[in-house]
């Protein structure tokens, strides 16, 4: 939701702020995934697959942010 909210904003500064919130939410999700594995709610194989997806999303967010920054130096 942070990305959708930020994308309708006019300024690059606002968009970058919302992307930062999205990255923070992704970090929270990563922590919750680690906790779920440690508590035995999910198996390591499941955690590895989900962490791979989290890393891919993180990569895409970084590229998106870089694109906005390069477009508006």
C-alpha atoms as a PDB file:
ATOM      1  CA  UNK A   1       0.000   0.000   0.000  1.00  0.00           C
ATOM      2  CA  UNK A   2       2.879   2.374   0.696  1.00  0.00           C
ATOM      3  CA  UNK A   3       4.015   2.198  -2.919  1.00  0.00           C
ATOM      4  CA  UNK A   4       0.514   2.880  -4.249  1.00  0.00           C
ATOM      5  CA  UNK A   5       0.098   5.866  -1.936  1.00  0.00           C
ATOM      6  CA  UNK A   6       3.519   7.224  -2.830  1.00  0.00           C
ATOM      7  CA  UNK A   7       3.084   6.755  -6.552  1.00  0.00           C
ATOM      8  CA  UNK A   8       0.198   9.214  -6.705  1.00  0.00           C
ATOM      9  CA  UNK A   9       2.316  11.898  -5.045  1.00  0.00           C
ATOM     10  CA  UNK A  10       3.766  14.568  -7.290  1.00  0.00           C
ATOM     11  CA  UNK A  11       7.218  15.089  -5.874  1.00  0.00           C
ATOM     12  CA  UNK A  12      10.117  12.662  -5.990  1.00  0.00           C
ATOM     13  CA  UNK A  13      10.761  13.396  -2.306  1.00  0.00           C
ATOM     14  CA  UNK A  14       7.269  12.158  -1.384  1.00  0.00           C
ATOM     15  CA  UNK A  15       7.622   9.065  -3.559  1.00  0.00           C
ATOM     16  CA  UNK A  16      10.984   8.232  -1.998  1.00  0.00           C
ATOM     17  CA  UNK A  17       9.517   8.661   1.472  1.00  0.00           C
ATOM     18  CA  UNK A  18       6.773   6.150   0.745  1.00  0.00           C
ATOM     19  CA  UNK A  19       9.306   3.734  -0.742  1.00  0.00           C
ATOM     20  CA  UNK A  20      11.296   4.012   2.463  1.00  0.00           C
ATOM     21  CA  UNK A  21       8.172   3.019   4.391  1.00  0.00           C
ATOM     22  CA  UNK A  22       7.694   0.060   2.049  1.00  0.00           C
ATOM     23  CA  UNK A  23      11.275  -1.043   2.660  1.00  0.00           C
ATOM     24  CA  UNK A  24      10.690  -0.786   6.405  1.00  0.00           C
ATOM     25  CA  UNK A  25       7.583  -2.939   6.073  1.00  0.00           C
ATOM     26  CA  UNK A  26       9.595  -5.487   4.114  1.00  0.00           C
ATOM     27  CA  UNK A  27      12.192  -5.566   6.914  1.00  0.00           C
ATOM     28  CA  UNK A  28       9.397  -6.181   9.428  1.00  0.00           C
ATOM     29  CA  UNK A  29       8.112  -9.045   7.301  1.00  0.00           C
ATOM     30  CA  UNK A  30      11.602 -10.548   7.183  1.00  0.00           C
ATOM     31  CA  UNK A  31      11.810 -10.400  10.969  1.00  0.00           C
ATOM     32  CA  UNK A  32       8.385 -12.025  11.335  1.00  0.00           C
ATOM     33  CA  UNK A  33       9.496 -14.769   8.975  1.00  0.00           C
ATOM     34  CA  UNK A  34      12.602 -15.427  11.089  1.00  0.00           C
ATOM     35  CA  UNK A  35      10.526 -15.470  14.247  1.00  0.00           C
ATOM     36  CA  UNK A  36       8.002 -17.879  12.706  1.00  0.00           C
ATOM     37  CA  UNK A  37      10.789 -20.271  11.812  1.00  0.00           C
ATOM     38  CA  UNK A  38      12.434 -20.056  15.249  1.00  0.00           C
ATOM     39  CA  UNK A  39       9.101 -20.720  16.952  1.00  0.00           C
ATOM     40  CA  UNK A  40       8.485 -23.719  14.717  1.00  0.00           C
ATOM     41  CA  UNK A  41       5.465 -22.366  12.851  1.00  0.00           C
ATOM     42  CA  UNK A  42       7.121 -22.937   9.481  1.00  0.00           C
ATOM     43  CA  UNK A  43       9.880 -25.208   8.232  1.00  0.00           C
ATOM     44  CA  UNK A  44      13.278 -23.989   7.093  1.00  0.00           C
ATOM     45  CA  UNK A  45      12.479 -24.882   3.465  1.00  0.00           C
ATOM     46  CA  UNK A  46       9.392 -22.674   3.566  1.00  0.00           C
ATOM     47  CA  UNK A  47      11.356 -19.890   5.224  1.00  0.00           C
ATOM     48  CA  UNK A  48      14.082 -20.102   2.584  1.00  0.00           C
ATOM     49  CA  UNK A  49      11.554 -19.823  -0.250  1.00  0.00           C
ATOM     50  CA  UNK A  50       9.791 -16.864   1.344  1.00  0.00           C
ATOM     51  CA  UNK A  51      13.091 -15.147   2.153  1.00  0.00           C
ATOM     52  CA  UNK A  52      14.066 -15.500  -1.492  1.00  0.00           C
ATOM     53  CA  UNK A  53      10.868 -13.696  -2.449  1.00  0.00           C
ATOM     54  CA  UNK A  54      11.494 -11.003   0.145  1.00  0.00           C
ATOM     55  CA  UNK A  55      14.973 -10.477  -1.282  1.00  0.00           C
ATOM     56  CA  UNK A  56      13.561 -10.163  -4.806  1.00  0.00           C
ATOM     57  CA  UNK A  57      11.051  -7.563  -3.670  1.00  0.00           C
ATOM     58  CA  UNK A  58      13.825  -5.698  -1.861  1.00  0.00           C
ATOM     59  CA  UNK A  59      15.879  -5.690  -5.052  1.00  0.00           C
ATOM     60  CA  UNK A  60      12.929  -4.308  -7.029  1.00  0.00           C
ATOM     61  CA  UNK A  61      12.301  -1.600  -4.448  1.00  0.00           C
ATOM     62  CA  UNK A  62      15.956  -0.586  -4.611  1.00  0.00           C
ATOM     63  CA  UNK A  63      15.847  -0.388  -8.400  1.00  0.00           C
ATOM     64  CA  UNK A  64      12.599   1.583  -8.302  1.00  0.00           C
ATOM     65  CA  UNK A  65      14.077   4.043  -5.802  1.00  0.00           C
ATOM     66  CA  UNK A  66      17.249   4.381  -7.891  1.00  0.00           C
ATOM     67  CA  UNK A  67      15.159   5.123 -10.966  1.00  0.00           C
ATOM     68  CA  UNK A  68      13.298   7.899  -9.183  1.00  0.00           C
ATOM     69  CA  UNK A  69      16.529   9.364  -7.820  1.00  0.00           C
ATOM     70  CA  UNK A  70      18.249   9.264 -11.231  1.00  0.00           C
ATOM     71  CA  UNK A  71      15.236  10.850 -12.896  1.00  0.00           C
ATOM     72  CA  UNK A  72      15.147  13.670 -10.335  1.00  0.00           C
ATOM     73  CA  UNK A  73      18.751  14.384  -9.270  1.00  0.00           C
END
